[in-house]
C-alpha atoms as a PDB file:
ATOM      1  CA  MET A   1     -17.021  -4.181  11.803  1.00  0.00           C
ATOM      2  CA  CYS A   2     -17.017  -1.464   9.115  1.00  0.00           C
ATOM      3  CA  ARG A   3     -16.454  -3.821   6.212  1.00  0.00           C
ATOM      4  CA  ARG A   4     -19.315  -6.002   7.611  1.00  0.00           C
ATOM      5  CA  LEU A   5     -21.561  -2.960   7.806  1.00  0.00           C
ATOM      6  CA  ILE A   6     -20.829  -2.055   4.204  1.00  0.00           C
ATOM      7  CA  ARG A   7     -21.508  -5.622   3.127  1.00  0.00           C
ATOM      8  CA  ASP A   8     -24.704  -5.780   4.999  1.00  0.00           C
ATOM      9  CA  TYR A   9     -26.084  -2.536   3.514  1.00  0.00           C
ATOM     10  CA  LYS A  10     -24.621  -2.505  -0.048  1.00  0.00           C
ATOM     11  CA  ARG A  11     -28.207  -1.737  -1.425  1.00  0.00           C
ATOM     12  CA  TYR A  12     -27.524   1.851  -0.347  1.00  0.00           C
ATOM     13  CA  ILE A  13     -24.650   2.201  -2.773  1.00  0.00           C
ATOM     14  CA  LEU A  14     -26.513   4.035  -5.325  1.00  0.00           C
ATOM     15  CA  PRO A  15     -27.869   6.698  -2.923  1.00  0.00           C
ATOM     16  CA  PHE A  16     -24.298   6.986  -1.454  1.00  0.00           C
ATOM     17  CA  ILE A  17     -22.774   7.627  -4.905  1.00  0.00           C
ATOM     18  CA  ALA A  18     -25.486  10.321  -5.512  1.00  0.00           C
ATOM     19  CA  SER A  19     -24.596  11.857  -2.186  1.00  0.00           C
ATOM     20  CA  MET A  20     -20.791  11.825  -3.109  1.00  0.00           C
ATOM     21  CA  VAL A  21     -21.578  13.488  -6.368  1.00  0.00           C
ATOM     22  CA  LEU A  22     -23.510  16.272  -4.889  1.00  0.00           C
ATOM     23  CA  ALA A  23     -20.765  16.739  -2.398  1.00  0.00           C
ATOM     24  CA  LEU A  24     -18.235  17.155  -5.117  1.00  0.00           C
ATOM     25  CA  ILE A  25     -20.574  19.820  -6.798  1.00  0.00           C
ATOM     26  CA  SER A  26     -21.135  21.573  -3.555  1.00  0.00           C
ATOM     27  CA  THR A  27     -17.437  21.682  -2.536  1.00  0.00           C
ATOM     28  CA  GLY A  28     -16.147  22.495  -5.865  1.00  0.00           C
ATOM     29  CA  LEU A  29     -18.373  25.490  -6.240  1.00  0.00           C
ATOM     30  CA  ALA A  30     -17.727  26.674  -2.717  1.00  0.00           C
ATOM     31  CA  LEU A  31     -13.953  26.536  -3.317  1.00  0.00           C
ATOM     32  CA  PHE A  32     -14.272  28.317  -6.765  1.00  0.00           C
ATOM     33  CA  VAL A  33     -15.726  31.465  -4.924  1.00  0.00           C
ATOM     34  CA  PRO A  34     -12.180  32.533  -3.555  1.00  0.00           C
ATOM     35  CA  VAL A  35     -10.904  32.554  -7.012  1.00  0.00           C
ATOM     36  CA  LEU A  36     -13.764  34.930  -8.122  1.00  0.00           C
ATOM     37  CA  MET A  37     -12.907  37.069  -4.977  1.00  0.00           C
ATOM     38  CA  GLY A  38      -9.414  37.435  -6.138  1.00  0.00           C
ATOM     39  CA  GLN A  39     -10.522  38.379  -9.588  1.00  0.00           C
ATOM     40  CA  GLY A  40     -12.779  40.948  -8.090  1.00  0.00           C
ATOM     41  CA  MET A  41     -10.016  42.494  -5.979  1.00  0.00           C
ATOM     42  CA  ASP A  42      -7.780  42.844  -9.179  1.00  0.00           C
ATOM     43  CA  THR A  43     -10.458  44.823 -10.952  1.00  0.00           C
ATOM     44  CA  ILE A  44      -9.925  47.634  -8.332  1.00  0.00           C
ATOM     45  CA  ILE A  45      -6.870  49.177 -10.220  1.00  0.00           C
ATOM     46  CA  GLY A  46      -6.559  52.137  -7.954  1.00  0.00           C
ATOM     47  CA  VAL A  47      -8.500  54.843  -6.032  1.00  0.00           C
ATOM     48  CA  GLY A  48     -11.405  55.901  -8.255  1.00  0.00           C
ATOM     49  CA  ASP A  49     -10.284  53.431 -11.120  1.00  0.00           C
ATOM     50  CA  VAL A  50     -12.500  50.299 -10.891  1.00  0.00           C
ATOM     51  CA  ASP A  51     -13.518  48.142 -13.744  1.00  0.00           C
ATOM     52  CA  PHE A  52     -17.261  47.902 -12.731  1.00  0.00           C
ATOM     53  CA  ASP A  53     -18.300  46.059 -15.809  1.00  0.00           C
ATOM     54  CA  SER A  54     -16.029  43.070 -15.014  1.00  0.00           C
ATOM     55  CA  LEU A  55     -16.647  43.582 -11.276  1.00  0.00           C
ATOM     56  CA  PHE A  56     -20.594  42.955 -11.837  1.00  0.00           C
ATOM     57  CA  VAL A  57     -19.917  39.985 -13.887  1.00  0.00           C
ATOM     58  CA  ILE A  58     -17.848  38.305 -11.242  1.00  0.00           C
ATOM     59  CA  ILE A  59     -20.409  39.104  -8.452  1.00  0.00           C
ATOM     60  CA  ARG A  60     -23.083  37.473 -10.636  1.00  0.00           C
ATOM     61  CA  LYS A  61     -20.857  34.357 -10.990  1.00  0.00           C
ATOM     62  CA  MET A  62     -20.216  34.269  -7.160  1.00  0.00           C
ATOM     63  CA  ILE A  63     -24.000  34.462  -6.377  1.00  0.00           C
ATOM     64  CA  LEU A  64     -24.820  31.553  -8.843  1.00  0.00           C
ATOM     65  CA  ALA A  65     -21.988  29.484  -7.420  1.00  0.00           C
ATOM     66  CA  ILE A  66     -23.045  30.022  -3.892  1.00  0.00           C
ATOM     67  CA  LEU A  67     -26.714  29.141  -4.770  1.00  0.00           C
ATOM     68  CA  ILE A  68     -26.009  25.847  -6.583  1.00  0.00           C
ATOM     69  CA  SER A  69     -23.479  24.920  -3.667  1.00  0.00           C
ATOM     70  CA  ALA A  70     -26.123  25.423  -1.035  1.00  0.00           C
ATOM     71  CA  ILE A  71     -28.797  23.593  -2.933  1.00  0.00           C
ATOM     72  CA  SER A  72     -26.507  20.670  -3.614  1.00  0.00           C
ATOM     73  CA  LEU A  73     -25.449  20.491   0.101  1.00  0.00           C
ATOM     74  CA  TRP A  74     -29.166  20.554   1.096  1.00  0.00           C
ATOM     75  CA  ILE A  75     -29.987  17.620  -1.128  1.00  0.00           C
ATOM     76  CA  MET A  76     -26.916  15.701  -0.088  1.00  0.00           C
ATOM     77  CA  ASN A  77     -27.812  16.024   3.541  1.00  0.00           C
ATOM     78  CA  GLY A  78     -31.431  14.772   2.859  1.00  0.00           C
ATOM     79  CA  ILE A  79     -29.926  11.619   1.152  1.00  0.00           C
ATOM     80  CA  ASN A  80     -27.443  11.144   3.969  1.00  0.00           C
ATOM     81  CA  ASN A  81     -30.071  11.295   6.549  1.00  0.00           C
ATOM     82  CA  ARG A  82     -32.361   8.585   4.837  1.00  0.00           C
ATOM     83  CA  ILE A  83     -29.311   6.301   4.530  1.00  0.00           C
ATOM     84  CA  VAL A  84     -28.168   6.687   8.122  1.00  0.00           C
ATOM     85  CA  TYR A  85     -31.596   6.424   9.797  1.00  0.00           C
ATOM     86  CA  GLY A  86     -32.478   3.455   7.478  1.00  0.00           C
ATOM     87  CA  ILE A  87     -29.370   1.607   8.611  1.00  0.00           C
ATOM     88  CA  SER A  88     -29.794   2.400  12.325  1.00  0.00           C
ATOM     89  CA  THR A  89     -33.379   1.324  12.213  1.00  0.00           C
ATOM     90  CA  ASN A  90     -32.470  -1.862  10.507  1.00  0.00           C
ATOM     91  CA  LEU A  91     -29.733  -2.639  13.085  1.00  0.00           C
ATOM     92  CA  ARG A  92     -32.029  -1.910  16.144  1.00  0.00           C
ATOM     93  CA  GLY A  93     -34.605  -4.295  14.526  1.00  0.00           C
ATOM     94  CA  ARG A  94     -32.068  -7.046  13.848  1.00  0.00           C
ATOM     95  CA  ALA A  95     -30.675  -6.667  17.379  1.00  0.00           C
ATOM     96  CA  PHE A  96     -34.230  -6.927  18.899  1.00  0.00           C
ATOM     97  CA  ARG A  97     -35.158 -10.074  16.895  1.00  0.00           C
ATOM     98  CA  SER A  98     -31.854 -11.635  17.765  1.00  0.00           C
ATOM     99  CA  PHE A  99     -32.520 -10.843  21.546  1.00  0.00           C
ATOM    100  CA  VAL A 100     -36.029 -12.254  21.467  1.00  0.00           C
ATOM    101  CA  GLY A 101     -34.730 -15.532  19.945  1.00  0.00           C
ATOM    102  CA  ALA A 102     -31.431 -15.939  21.860  1.00  0.00           C
ATOM    103  CA  ARG A 103     -30.782 -18.832  24.183  1.00  0.00           C
ATOM    104  CA  TYR A 104     -31.021 -18.247  27.876  1.00  0.00           C
ATOM    105  CA  ASP A 105     -27.639 -19.481  28.547  1.00  0.00           C
ATOM    106  CA  TYR A 106     -26.273 -17.102  26.174  1.00  0.00           C
ATOM    107  CA  LEU A 107     -28.129 -14.231  27.502  1.00  0.00           C
ATOM    108  CA  ASP A 108     -26.759 -14.862  30.865  1.00  0.00           C
ATOM    109  CA  THR A 109     -23.476 -13.611  29.720  1.00  0.00           C
ATOM    110  CA  TYR A 110     -25.075  -9.963  29.366  1.00  0.00           C
ATOM    111  CA  SER A 111     -27.047  -7.967  31.851  1.00  0.00           C
ATOM    112  CA  GLU A 112     -30.493  -6.640  31.154  1.00  0.00           C
ATOM    113  CA  GLY A 113     -29.248  -3.045  31.167  1.00  0.00           C
ATOM    114  CA  ASP A 114     -26.412  -3.899  28.793  1.00  0.00           C
ATOM    115  CA  ILE A 115     -28.811  -5.310  26.343  1.00  0.00           C
ATOM    116  CA  VAL A 116     -31.101  -2.227  26.670  1.00  0.00           C
ATOM    117  CA  SER A 117     -28.180   0.054  26.333  1.00  0.00           C
ATOM    118  CA  ARG A 118     -26.993  -1.704  23.225  1.00  0.00           C
ATOM    119  CA  ILE A 119     -30.286  -1.518  21.440  1.00  0.00           C
ATOM    120  CA  ILE A 120     -31.041   2.069  22.382  1.00  0.00           C
ATOM    121  CA  VAL A 121     -27.996   4.047  23.323  1.00  0.00           C
ATOM    122  CA  ASP A 122     -25.507   2.440  21.073  1.00  0.00           C
ATOM    123  CA  CYS A 123     -27.652   2.477  18.127  1.00  0.00           C
ATOM    124  CA  ASP A 124     -28.109   6.233  18.443  1.00  0.00           C
ATOM    125  CA  ALA A 125     -24.216   6.700  18.768  1.00  0.00           C
ATOM    126  CA  ILE A 126     -23.770   4.714  15.527  1.00  0.00           C
ATOM    127  CA  SER A 127     -26.412   7.075  13.671  1.00  0.00           C
ATOM    128  CA  ASP A 128     -24.376  10.106  14.983  1.00  0.00           C
ATOM    129  CA  GLY A 129     -21.179   8.801  13.916  1.00  0.00           C
ATOM    130  CA  LEU A 130     -22.435   7.700  10.387  1.00  0.00           C
ATOM    131  CA  LEU A 131     -23.991  11.167   9.859  1.00  0.00           C
ATOM    132  CA  LEU A 132     -20.700  12.951  10.674  1.00  0.00           C
ATOM    133  CA  GLY A 133     -18.770  10.602   8.477  1.00  0.00           C
ATOM    134  CA  PHE A 134     -21.147  11.191   5.522  1.00  0.00           C
ATOM    135  CA  ASN A 135     -21.599  14.932   6.146  1.00  0.00           C
ATOM    136  CA  GLN A 136     -18.006  16.075   7.024  1.00  0.00           C
ATOM    137  CA  PHE A 137     -15.411  13.445   6.277  1.00  0.00           C
ATOM    138  CA  PHE A 138     -15.823  13.026   2.589  1.00  0.00           C
ATOM    139  CA  ILE A 139     -16.525  16.725   2.272  1.00  0.00           C
ATOM    140  CA  GLY A 140     -13.245  17.397   4.088  1.00  0.00           C
ATOM    141  CA  VAL A 141     -11.209  15.026   2.009  1.00  0.00           C
ATOM    142  CA  VAL A 142     -12.472  16.626  -1.203  1.00  0.00           C
ATOM    143  CA  THR A 143     -11.919  20.114   0.137  1.00  0.00           C
ATOM    144  CA  ILE A 144      -8.262  19.307   0.988  1.00  0.00           C
ATOM    145  CA  ILE A 145      -7.535  18.070  -2.519  1.00  0.00           C
ATOM    146  CA  VAL A 146      -9.371  20.621  -4.514  1.00  0.00           C
ATOM    147  CA  THR A 147      -7.976  23.492  -2.356  1.00  0.00           C
ATOM    148  CA  LEU A 148      -4.472  22.149  -2.768  1.00  0.00           C
ATOM    149  CA  VAL A 149      -4.883  22.177  -6.503  1.00  0.00           C
ATOM    150  CA  PHE A 150      -5.948  25.850  -6.535  1.00  0.00           C
ATOM    151  CA  MET A 151      -3.173  26.991  -4.337  1.00  0.00           C
ATOM    152  CA  ILE A 152      -0.567  25.331  -6.483  1.00  0.00           C
ATOM    153  CA  ARG A 153      -2.025  27.233  -9.418  1.00  0.00           C
ATOM    154  CA  ILE A 154      -1.659  30.654  -7.564  1.00  0.00           C
ATOM    155  CA  ASN A 155       1.900  30.048  -6.093  1.00  0.00           C
ATOM    156  CA  VAL A 156       3.753  26.902  -5.727  1.00  0.00           C
ATOM    157  CA  TYR A 157       6.092  27.916  -3.019  1.00  0.00           C
ATOM    158  CA  LEU A 158       3.310  29.121  -0.792  1.00  0.00           C
ATOM    159  CA  ALA A 159       1.468  26.016  -1.348  1.00  0.00           C
ATOM    160  CA  LEU A 160       4.455  23.951  -0.474  1.00  0.00           C
ATOM    161  CA  ALA A 161       4.642  25.821   2.734  1.00  0.00           C
ATOM    162  CA  VAL A 162       1.011  25.120   3.526  1.00  0.00           C
ATOM    163  CA  VAL A 163       1.623  21.311   2.879  1.00  0.00           C
ATOM    164  CA  ILE A 164       4.685  21.184   5.228  1.00  0.00           C
ATOM    165  CA  LEU A 165       2.939  23.095   8.091  1.00  0.00           C
ATOM    166  CA  THR A 166      -0.313  21.690   7.930  1.00  0.00           C
ATOM    167  CA  PRO A 167       0.493  17.992   8.979  1.00  0.00           C
ATOM    168  CA  LEU A 168       1.561  19.364  12.317  1.00  0.00           C
ATOM    169  CA  SER A 169      -2.024  19.548  13.462  1.00  0.00           C
ATOM    170  CA  LEU A 170      -2.427  15.751  12.336  1.00  0.00           C
ATOM    171  CA  PHE A 171       0.236  14.723  14.666  1.00  0.00           C
ATOM    172  CA  VAL A 172      -1.443  16.505  17.498  1.00  0.00           C
ATOM    173  CA  ALA A 173      -4.879  15.018  16.676  1.00  0.00           C
ATOM    174  CA  ARG A 174      -3.309  11.472  16.213  1.00  0.00           C
ATOM    175  CA  PHE A 175      -1.742  11.448  19.754  1.00  0.00           C
ATOM    176  CA  ILE A 176      -5.061  12.619  21.395  1.00  0.00           C
ATOM    177  CA  ILE A 177      -7.149  10.121  19.602  1.00  0.00           C
ATOM    178  CA  LYS A 178      -4.839   7.255  20.180  1.00  0.00           C
ATOM    179  CA  ASN A 179      -5.124   7.896  24.136  1.00  0.00           C
ATOM    180  CA  SER A 180      -8.776   8.529  24.102  1.00  0.00           C
ATOM    181  CA  ASN A 181     -10.193   5.470  22.567  1.00  0.00           C
ATOM    182  CA  LYS A 182      -9.851   3.259  25.688  1.00  0.00           C
ATOM    183  CA  TYR A 183     -11.995   5.829  27.620  1.00  0.00           C
ATOM    184  CA  PHE A 184     -14.705   5.545  25.110  1.00  0.00           C
ATOM    185  CA  GLU A 185     -14.777   1.808  25.656  1.00  0.00           C
ATOM    186  CA  GLN A 186     -15.076   2.233  29.313  1.00  0.00           C
ATOM    187  CA  GLN A 187     -17.842   4.802  28.811  1.00  0.00           C
ATOM    188  CA  ALA A 188     -19.973   2.556  26.760  1.00  0.00           C
ATOM    189  CA  LYS A 189     -19.459  -0.278  29.392  1.00  0.00           C
ATOM    190  CA  SER A 190     -20.406   2.129  32.138  1.00  0.00           C
ATOM    191  CA  ARG A 191     -23.633   3.268  30.474  1.00  0.00           C
ATOM    192  CA  GLY A 192     -24.704  -0.364  30.397  1.00  0.00           C
ATOM    193  CA  GLU A 193     -24.041  -0.778  34.165  1.00  0.00           C
ATOM    194  CA  ILE A 194     -26.046   2.228  34.984  1.00  0.00           C
ATOM    195  CA  THR A 195     -29.051   0.962  32.873  1.00  0.00           C
ATOM    196  CA  GLU A 196     -28.710  -2.473  34.592  1.00  0.00           C
ATOM    197  CA  THR A 197     -28.524  -1.239  38.027  1.00  0.00           C
ATOM    198  CA  SER A 198     -31.500   1.161  37.505  1.00  0.00           C
ATOM    199  CA  SER A 199     -33.554  -1.796  36.135  1.00  0.00           C
ATOM    200  CA  ASP A 200     -32.666  -4.159  39.164  1.00  0.00           C
ATOM    201  CA  ILE A 201     -33.471  -1.435  41.769  1.00  0.00           C
ATOM    202  CA  ILE A 202     -36.787  -0.624  40.205  1.00  0.00           C
ATOM    203  CA  THR A 203     -37.628  -4.408  40.280  1.00  0.00           C
ATOM    204  CA  MET A 204     -36.571  -4.861  43.892  1.00  0.00           C
ATOM    205  CA  LYS A 205     -38.321  -1.712  45.021  1.00  0.00           C
ATOM    206  CA  LYS A 206     -41.615  -3.279  43.948  1.00  0.00           C
ATOM    207  CA  VAL A 207     -41.047  -6.256  46.328  1.00  0.00           C
ATOM    208  CA  ILE A 208     -38.906  -4.547  49.105  1.00  0.00           C
ATOM    209  CA  ASN A 209     -40.227  -1.496  50.933  1.00  0.00           C
ATOM    210  CA  ASP A 210     -37.708  -0.918  53.703  1.00  0.00           C
ATOM    211  CA  GLU A 211     -35.781   2.129  54.736  1.00  0.00           C
ATOM    212  CA  ALA A 212     -32.387   0.339  55.114  1.00  0.00           C
ATOM    213  CA  ALA A 213     -32.916  -1.177  51.651  1.00  0.00           C
ATOM    214  CA  GLU A 214     -33.654   2.255  50.156  1.00  0.00           C
ATOM    215  CA  GLU A 215     -30.444   3.532  51.495  1.00  0.00           C
ATOM    216  CA  TYR A 216     -28.535   0.621  50.219  1.00  0.00           C
ATOM    217  CA  PHE A 217     -30.120   1.105  46.837  1.00  0.00           C
ATOM    218  CA  VAL A 218     -29.185   4.794  46.748  1.00  0.00           C
ATOM    219  CA  GLU A 219     -25.677   4.100  47.781  1.00  0.00           C
ATOM    220  CA  LYS A 220     -25.215   1.541  45.232  1.00  0.00           C
ATOM    221  CA  PHE A 221     -26.497   3.754  42.374  1.00  0.00           C
ATOM    222  CA  GLU A 222     -24.386   6.552  43.616  1.00  0.00           C
ATOM    223  CA  ASP A 223     -21.205   4.497  43.316  1.00  0.00           C
ATOM    224  CA  ILE A 224     -21.853   3.357  39.858  1.00  0.00           C
ATOM    225  CA  ASN A 225     -23.022   6.910  38.741  1.00  0.00           C
ATOM    226  CA  THR A 226     -19.871   8.369  40.190  1.00  0.00           C
ATOM    227  CA  LYS A 227     -17.871   5.709  38.203  1.00  0.00           C
ATOM    228  CA  ASN A 228     -19.851   6.730  35.077  1.00  0.00           C
ATOM    229  CA  GLU A 229     -19.016  10.412  35.705  1.00  0.00           C
ATOM    230  CA  LYS A 230     -15.342   9.946  35.990  1.00  0.00           C
ATOM    231  CA  VAL A 231     -15.135   7.755  32.767  1.00  0.00           C
ATOM    232  CA  SER A 232     -17.403  10.152  30.773  1.00  0.00           C
ATOM    233  CA  ARG A 233     -15.261  13.216  31.925  1.00  0.00           C
ATOM    234  CA  LYS A 234     -12.085  11.599  30.779  1.00  0.00           C
ATOM    235  CA  ALA A 235     -13.506  10.504  27.410  1.00  0.00           C
ATOM    236  CA  THR A 236     -15.080  13.891  26.852  1.00  0.00           C
ATOM    237  CA  PHE A 237     -12.072  15.789  27.999  1.00  0.00           C
ATOM    238  CA  PHE A 238      -9.594  13.927  25.656  1.00  0.00           C
ATOM    239  CA  SER A 239     -11.939  14.132  22.612  1.00  0.00           C
ATOM    240  CA  SER A 240     -12.581  17.985  23.221  1.00  0.00           C
ATOM    241  CA  LEU A 241      -8.706  18.625  23.178  1.00  0.00           C
ATOM    242  CA  THR A 242      -8.469  17.554  19.564  1.00  0.00           C
ATOM    243  CA  ASN A 243     -10.311  20.448  17.928  1.00  0.00           C
ATOM    244  CA  PRO A 244      -8.928  23.267  20.010  1.00  0.00           C
ATOM    245  CA  MET A 245      -5.251  21.968  19.705  1.00  0.00           C
ATOM    246  CA  THR A 246      -5.383  21.600  15.997  1.00  0.00           C
ATOM    247  CA  ARG A 247      -6.989  25.073  15.602  1.00  0.00           C
ATOM    248  CA  LEU A 248      -4.096  26.603  17.515  1.00  0.00           C
ATOM    249  CA  VAL A 249      -1.447  24.934  15.354  1.00  0.00           C
ATOM    250  CA  ASN A 250      -3.310  25.985  12.192  1.00  0.00           C
ATOM    251  CA  ALA A 251      -3.674  29.542  13.481  1.00  0.00           C
ATOM    252  CA  ILE A 252       0.080  29.706  14.016  1.00  0.00           C
ATOM    253  CA  CYS A 253       0.619  28.316  10.418  1.00  0.00           C
ATOM    254  CA  TYR A 254      -1.737  30.917   8.961  1.00  0.00           C
ATOM    255  CA  ALA A 255       0.025  33.847  10.585  1.00  0.00           C
ATOM    256  CA  LEU A 256       3.287  32.626   9.160  1.00  0.00           C
ATOM    257  CA  LEU A 257       1.886  32.271   5.659  1.00  0.00           C
ATOM    258  CA  THR A 258       0.309  35.714   5.795  1.00  0.00           C
ATOM    259  CA  PHE A 259       3.583  37.126   6.695  1.00  0.00           C
ATOM    260  CA  GLY A 260       5.543  35.197   3.949  1.00  0.00           C
ATOM    261  CA  GLY A 261       2.794  36.045   1.498  1.00  0.00           C
ATOM    262  CA  GLY A 262       3.001  39.654   2.181  1.00  0.00           C
ATOM    263  CA  ILE A 263       6.760  39.654   1.322  1.00  0.00           C
ATOM    264  CA  ILE A 264       6.192  37.782  -1.927  1.00  0.00           C
ATOM    265  CA  ALA A 265       3.453  40.420  -2.860  1.00  0.00           C
ATOM    266  CA  ILE A 266       5.894  43.268  -2.093  1.00  0.00           C
ATOM    267  CA  LYS A 267       8.338  41.630  -4.433  1.00  0.00           C
ATOM    268  CA  GLY A 268       5.609  41.576  -7.128  1.00  0.00           C
ATOM    269  CA  ASP A 269       5.526  37.744  -7.521  1.00  0.00           C
ATOM    270  CA  ILE A 270       1.916  37.646  -6.673  1.00  0.00           C
ATOM    271  CA  THR A 271      -1.053  40.210  -7.016  1.00  0.00           C
ATOM    272  CA  ILE A 272      -3.152  41.345  -4.081  1.00  0.00           C
ATOM    273  CA  GLY A 273      -6.060  39.435  -5.450  1.00  0.00           C
ATOM    274  CA  GLY A 274      -4.053  36.413  -5.817  1.00  0.00           C
ATOM    275  CA  LEU A 275      -2.796  36.640  -2.204  1.00  0.00           C
ATOM    276  CA  THR A 276      -6.383  37.316  -1.023  1.00  0.00           C
ATOM    277  CA  SER A 277      -7.334  34.028  -2.773  1.00  0.00           C
ATOM    278  CA  PHE A 278      -4.307  32.073  -1.528  1.00  0.00           C
ATOM    279  CA  LEU A 279      -5.056  33.157   2.136  1.00  0.00           C
ATOM    280  CA  ALA A 280      -8.725  32.149   1.857  1.00  0.00           C
ATOM    281  CA  TYR A 281      -7.683  28.808   0.632  1.00  0.00           C
ATOM    282  CA  ALA A 282      -5.064  28.409   3.203  1.00  0.00           C
ATOM    283  CA  SER A 283      -7.786  28.886   5.683  1.00  0.00           C
ATOM    284  CA  GLN A 284     -10.124  26.392   3.999  1.00  0.00           C
ATOM    285  CA  PHE A 285      -7.204  23.917   3.780  1.00  0.00           C
ATOM    286  CA  ALA A 286      -6.744  23.785   7.458  1.00  0.00           C
ATOM    287  CA  LYS A 287     -10.362  23.678   8.321  1.00  0.00           C
ATOM    288  CA  PRO A 288     -11.135  20.133   6.953  1.00  0.00           C
ATOM    289  CA  PHE A 289      -8.241  18.779   9.273  1.00  0.00           C
ATOM    290  CA  ASN A 290     -10.070  20.114  12.272  1.00  0.00           C
ATOM    291  CA  ASP A 291     -13.326  18.655  11.120  1.00  0.00           C
ATOM    292  CA  ILE A 292     -11.892  15.312  10.247  1.00  0.00           C
ATOM    293  CA  SER A 293      -9.958  15.014  13.531  1.00  0.00           C
ATOM    294  CA  SER A 294     -13.465  15.643  15.266  1.00  0.00           C
ATOM    295  CA  VAL A 295     -15.032  13.079  12.998  1.00  0.00           C
ATOM    296  CA  VAL A 296     -12.451  10.435  13.706  1.00  0.00           C
ATOM    297  CA  THR A 297     -13.051  10.898  17.399  1.00  0.00           C
ATOM    298  CA  GLU A 298     -16.676  10.530  17.204  1.00  0.00           C
ATOM    299  CA  LEU A 299     -16.272   7.505  14.816  1.00  0.00           C
ATOM    300  CA  GLN A 300     -14.298   5.721  17.438  1.00  0.00           C
ATOM    301  CA  ASN A 301     -17.225   5.803  19.912  1.00  0.00           C
ATOM    302  CA  SER A 302     -19.415   4.604  16.864  1.00  0.00           C
ATOM    303  CA  ILE A 303     -17.179   1.823  16.045  1.00  0.00           C
ATOM    304  CA  VAL A 304     -17.187   0.608  19.691  1.00  0.00           C
ATOM    305  CA  CYS A 305     -20.950   0.715  19.785  1.00  0.00           C
ATOM    306  CA  LEU A 306     -21.183  -0.974  16.174  1.00  0.00           C
ATOM    307  CA  LYS A 307     -19.150  -3.884  17.620  1.00  0.00           C
ATOM    308  CA  ARG A 308     -21.526  -4.132  20.619  1.00  0.00           C
ATOM    309  CA  MET A 309     -24.483  -4.179  18.390  1.00  0.00           C
ATOM    310  CA  TYR A 310     -23.098  -6.916  16.185  1.00  0.00           C
ATOM    311  CA  GLU A 311     -22.242  -9.038  19.347  1.00  0.00           C
ATOM    312  CA  LEU A 312     -25.972  -9.020  20.123  1.00  0.00           C
ATOM    313  CA  ILE A 313     -27.267  -9.585  16.481  1.00  0.00           C
ATOM    314  CA  ASP A 314     -24.863 -12.710  16.590  1.00  0.00           C
ATOM    315  CA  ALA A 315     -26.448 -14.201  19.775  1.00  0.00           C
ATOM    316  CA  LYS A 316     -26.962 -17.855  19.677  1.00  0.00           C
ATOM    317  CA  GLN A 317     -30.556 -18.601  18.915  1.00  0.00           C
ATOM    318  CA  GLU A 318     -32.763 -20.871  20.989  1.00  0.00           C
ATOM    319  CA  ASN A 319     -34.758 -22.186  17.994  1.00  0.00           C
ATOM    320  CA  TYR A 320     -32.198 -21.272  15.318  1.00  0.00           C
ATOM    321  CA  MET A 321     -34.532 -18.498  14.094  1.00  0.00           C
ATOM    322  CA  GLU A 322     -33.801 -17.147  10.630  1.00  0.00           C
ATOM    323  CA  GLU A 323     -32.219 -13.809  10.772  1.00  0.00           C
ATOM    324  CA  CYS A 324     -34.604 -11.169   9.797  1.00  0.00           C
ATOM    325  CA  ASP A 325     -34.920 -10.244   6.262  1.00  0.00           C
ATOM    326  CA  MET A 326     -32.895  -6.909   6.103  1.00  0.00           C
ATOM    327  CA  ASP A 327     -35.227  -5.500   3.336  1.00  0.00           C
ATOM    328  CA  GLU A 328     -38.479  -6.253   5.269  1.00  0.00           C
ATOM    329  CA  GLY A 329     -39.795  -3.550   7.525  1.00  0.00           C
ATOM    330  CA  TYR A 330     -36.584  -1.532   7.917  1.00  0.00           C
ATOM    331  CA  SER A 331     -35.912  -0.227   4.461  1.00  0.00           C
ATOM    332  CA  ILE A 332     -35.941   3.484   3.417  1.00  0.00           C
END
């Protein structure tokens, strides 16, 4: 599904590249700030002995880096929004055109509610997943790589300890994600059943006005609604475990690094400013793993929804209508 999505929307490659360049600029400058913080700490030689001239130069550099990083991130988010909503608008339009021209015997394999759910709810879920992927996934990967480089430059042994300890959170996230995917599939199917049942009840209510029928409608809807509640609770519960569990593991690792770094600083193998910068990077290094784990969980739901959208787009046509021009009416 992902390969097909890339192939269908390769016209967005240039805006995507521009977004990635801006992400590199924003992330690189943001990660340069801890280096400046460490340098600023080292200008404080002792009580009443501070190199203010060097300190003010460092502060000006920090302000400039933060401003450029923030502006780059703002422009990147704007580009990503245009790409994502351009794709989702196009997907929804293609799905609707395919539905209008589909053969009746093919449409009989889907309920009305399921079709409506695909066009509206699933498409929104795809947009949410793509936005998270663009805005957090790539930045998270870049942050991990650049942070590791800075940590190695400060102290190789502490950097090695970070590399060894951090993957523990990945194992935790992988276990949770592996067991939550089936619930997202059941949730998407359940949403379609609710839409279908609601539509059927509204239609029947217009022709049947009977108290016994009303009770039957209510009981039928409550059964399906309860089923959706159970499935949604399971999907949300398992997906919500990912972030707090990885944060717990990372917090334990950070405490161990702080203790080890303090011992190394006492021995004189690292300055106080260097240790400050390293601990800031250690915290930065762990954060993207939390973000990526959350993004992957959301992307699972988006991939399921994307598969359902393409199933509707590929519906067999009654009059073999030409597939809509993907550039007409749905471009950004």
